[in-house]
Amino acid sequence: MNFGMTEILIIAFIIILLFGAKRLPELAKSLGSSVKQFKKGIDEGEEKDKNDN
């Protein structure tokens, strides 16, 4: 899927309408920490697999 600038702006506008401008930084922070925890869990799982072999 190739998204152009127009599509990205439309999606951003819809997100702002749904969640409100005040909550966007809060949502971005929680999304970032979720991704960080997910990556940490994957790394720990890979280390566990290496140690089991």
N, C-alpha and C. Protein backbone atom coordinates (compact mmCIF):
# COMPACT_ATOMS: atom_id res chain seq x y z
N MET A 1 0.84 -1.18 0.00
CA MET A 1 0.00 0.00 0.00
C MET A 1 0.88 1.24 0.00
N ASN A 2 0.72 2.04 -0.97
CA ASN A 2 1.43 3.32 -1.01
C ASN A 2 0.48 4.42 -0.58
N PHE A 3 0.87 5.12 0.46
CA PHE A 3 0.08 6.24 0.94
C PHE A 3 0.74 7.53 0.50
N GLY A 4 -0.03 8.39 -0.12
CA GLY A 4 0.45 9.70 -0.49
C GLY A 4 0.23 10.68 0.65
N MET A 5 0.68 11.88 0.45
CA MET A 5 0.53 12.90 1.50
C MET A 5 -0.94 13.19 1.79
N THR A 6 -1.77 13.18 0.77
CA THR A 6 -3.20 13.46 0.96
C THR A 6 -3.85 12.40 1.84
N GLU A 7 -3.55 11.14 1.59
CA GLU A 7 -4.14 10.07 2.39
C GLU A 7 -3.68 10.14 3.83
N ILE A 8 -2.40 10.43 4.04
CA ILE A 8 -1.88 10.55 5.40
C ILE A 8 -2.55 11.69 6.14
N LEU A 9 -2.75 12.82 5.48
CA LEU A 9 -3.42 13.96 6.11
C LEU A 9 -4.87 13.64 6.45
N ILE A 10 -5.55 12.93 5.58
CA ILE A 10 -6.94 12.54 5.85
C ILE A 10 -7.01 11.61 7.05
N ILE A 11 -6.11 10.63 7.11
CA ILE A 11 -6.08 9.71 8.25
C ILE A 11 -5.76 10.45 9.54
N ALA A 12 -4.80 11.37 9.50
CA ALA A 12 -4.45 12.16 10.68
C ALA A 12 -5.63 13.00 11.13
N PHE A 13 -6.33 13.59 10.20
CA PHE A 13 -7.51 14.41 10.53
C PHE A 13 -8.59 13.57 11.20
N ILE A 14 -8.83 12.38 10.69
CA ILE A 14 -9.83 11.49 11.28
C ILE A 14 -9.42 11.08 12.69
N ILE A 15 -8.14 10.79 12.89
CA ILE A 15 -7.65 10.42 14.22
C ILE A 15 -7.84 11.58 15.20
N ILE A 16 -7.53 12.80 14.75
CA ILE A 16 -7.71 13.97 15.61
C ILE A 16 -9.18 14.15 15.96
N LEU A 17 -10.06 13.93 15.00
CA LEU A 17 -11.49 14.04 15.29
C LEU A 17 -11.96 12.99 16.28
N LEU A 18 -11.45 11.77 16.14
CA LEU A 18 -11.90 10.69 17.02
C LEU A 18 -11.39 10.85 18.45
N PHE A 19 -10.11 11.18 18.60
CA PHE A 19 -9.51 11.17 19.92
C PHE A 19 -9.31 12.55 20.53
N GLY A 20 -9.31 13.58 19.74
CA GLY A 20 -9.08 14.93 20.25
C GLY A 20 -7.60 15.25 20.31
N ALA A 21 -7.28 16.50 20.08
CA ALA A 21 -5.88 16.92 20.01
C ALA A 21 -5.16 16.80 21.35
N LYS A 22 -5.89 16.92 22.44
CA LYS A 22 -5.26 16.86 23.76
C LYS A 22 -4.80 15.45 24.12
N ARG A 23 -5.47 14.43 23.60
CA ARG A 23 -5.14 13.05 23.96
C ARG A 23 -4.10 12.43 23.03
N LEU A 24 -3.80 13.06 21.90
CA LEU A 24 -2.86 12.47 20.95
C LEU A 24 -1.46 12.24 21.52
N PRO A 25 -0.86 13.20 22.22
CA PRO A 25 0.47 12.92 22.79
C PRO A 25 0.44 11.77 23.80
N GLU A 26 -0.63 11.69 24.56
CA GLU A 26 -0.80 10.61 25.53
C GLU A 26 -0.90 9.26 24.81
N LEU A 27 -1.65 9.22 23.73
CA LEU A 27 -1.79 7.98 22.96
C LEU A 27 -0.47 7.59 22.31
N ALA A 28 0.26 8.56 21.78
CA ALA A 28 1.54 8.28 21.14
C ALA A 28 2.55 7.74 22.16
N LYS A 29 2.54 8.30 23.36
CA LYS A 29 3.45 7.83 24.41
C LYS A 29 3.12 6.39 24.80
N SER A 30 1.86 6.09 24.97
CA SER A 30 1.48 4.73 25.36
C SER A 30 1.76 3.74 24.23
N LEU A 31 1.57 4.16 22.99
CA LEU A 31 1.88 3.30 21.85
C LEU A 31 3.38 3.02 21.79
N GLY A 32 4.19 4.05 22.01
CA GLY A 32 5.64 3.88 22.01
C GLY A 32 6.12 2.93 23.10
N SER A 33 5.55 3.07 24.29
CA SER A 33 5.96 2.17 25.37
C SER A 33 5.48 0.74 25.11
N SER A 34 4.34 0.59 24.47
CA SER A 34 3.85 -0.75 24.13
C SER A 34 4.77 -1.42 23.12
N VAL A 35 5.21 -0.68 22.12
CA VAL A 35 6.12 -1.23 21.12
C VAL A 35 7.44 -1.60 21.78
N LYS A 36 7.92 -0.77 22.70
CA LYS A 36 9.17 -1.04 23.40
C LYS A 36 9.06 -2.32 24.22
N GLN A 37 7.95 -2.50 24.93
CA GLN A 37 7.75 -3.71 25.73
C GLN A 37 7.63 -4.94 24.85
N PHE A 38 6.97 -4.79 23.70
CA PHE A 38 6.82 -5.90 22.76
C PHE A 38 8.18 -6.36 22.24
N LYS A 39 9.02 -5.40 21.84
CA LYS A 39 10.36 -5.74 21.36
C LYS A 39 11.20 -6.38 22.46
N LYS A 40 11.06 -5.88 23.68
CA LYS A 40 11.79 -6.45 24.81
C LYS A 40 11.37 -7.90 25.04
N GLY A 41 10.07 -8.16 24.94
CA GLY A 41 9.56 -9.52 25.10
C GLY A 41 10.06 -10.46 24.02
N ILE A 42 10.13 -9.98 22.80
CA ILE A 42 10.64 -10.80 21.70
C ILE A 42 12.12 -11.12 21.93
N ASP A 43 12.90 -10.12 22.33
CA ASP A 43 14.32 -10.34 22.58
C ASP A 43 14.53 -11.34 23.71
N GLU A 44 13.74 -11.23 24.78
CA GLU A 44 13.87 -12.17 25.89
C GLU A 44 13.50 -13.58 25.46
N GLY A 45 12.49 -13.70 24.61
CA GLY A 45 12.09 -15.01 24.10
C GLY A 45 13.18 -15.63 23.24
N GLU A 46 13.84 -14.83 22.41
CA GLU A 46 14.92 -15.33 21.58
C GLU A 46 16.11 -15.76 22.42
N GLU A 47 16.42 -15.00 23.48
CA GLU A 47 17.51 -15.38 24.37
C GLU A 47 17.20 -16.69 25.08
N LYS A 48 15.94 -16.85 25.49
CA LYS A 48 15.54 -18.07 26.16
C LYS A 48 15.67 -19.27 25.22
N ASP A 49 15.28 -19.07 23.96
CA ASP A 49 15.42 -20.14 22.97
C ASP A 49 16.87 -20.51 22.74
N LYS A 50 17.75 -19.52 22.71
CA LYS A 50 19.18 -19.79 22.51
C LYS A 50 19.73 -20.57 23.71
N ASN A 51 19.31 -20.21 24.90
CA ASN A 51 19.80 -20.89 26.11
C ASN A 51 19.26 -22.30 26.23
N ASP A 52 18.07 -22.55 25.70
CA ASP A 52 17.48 -23.90 25.76
C ASP A 52 18.17 -24.87 24.82
N ASN A 53 18.75 -24.39 23.75
CA ASN A 53 19.40 -25.28 22.77
C ASN A 53 20.75 -25.65 23.20
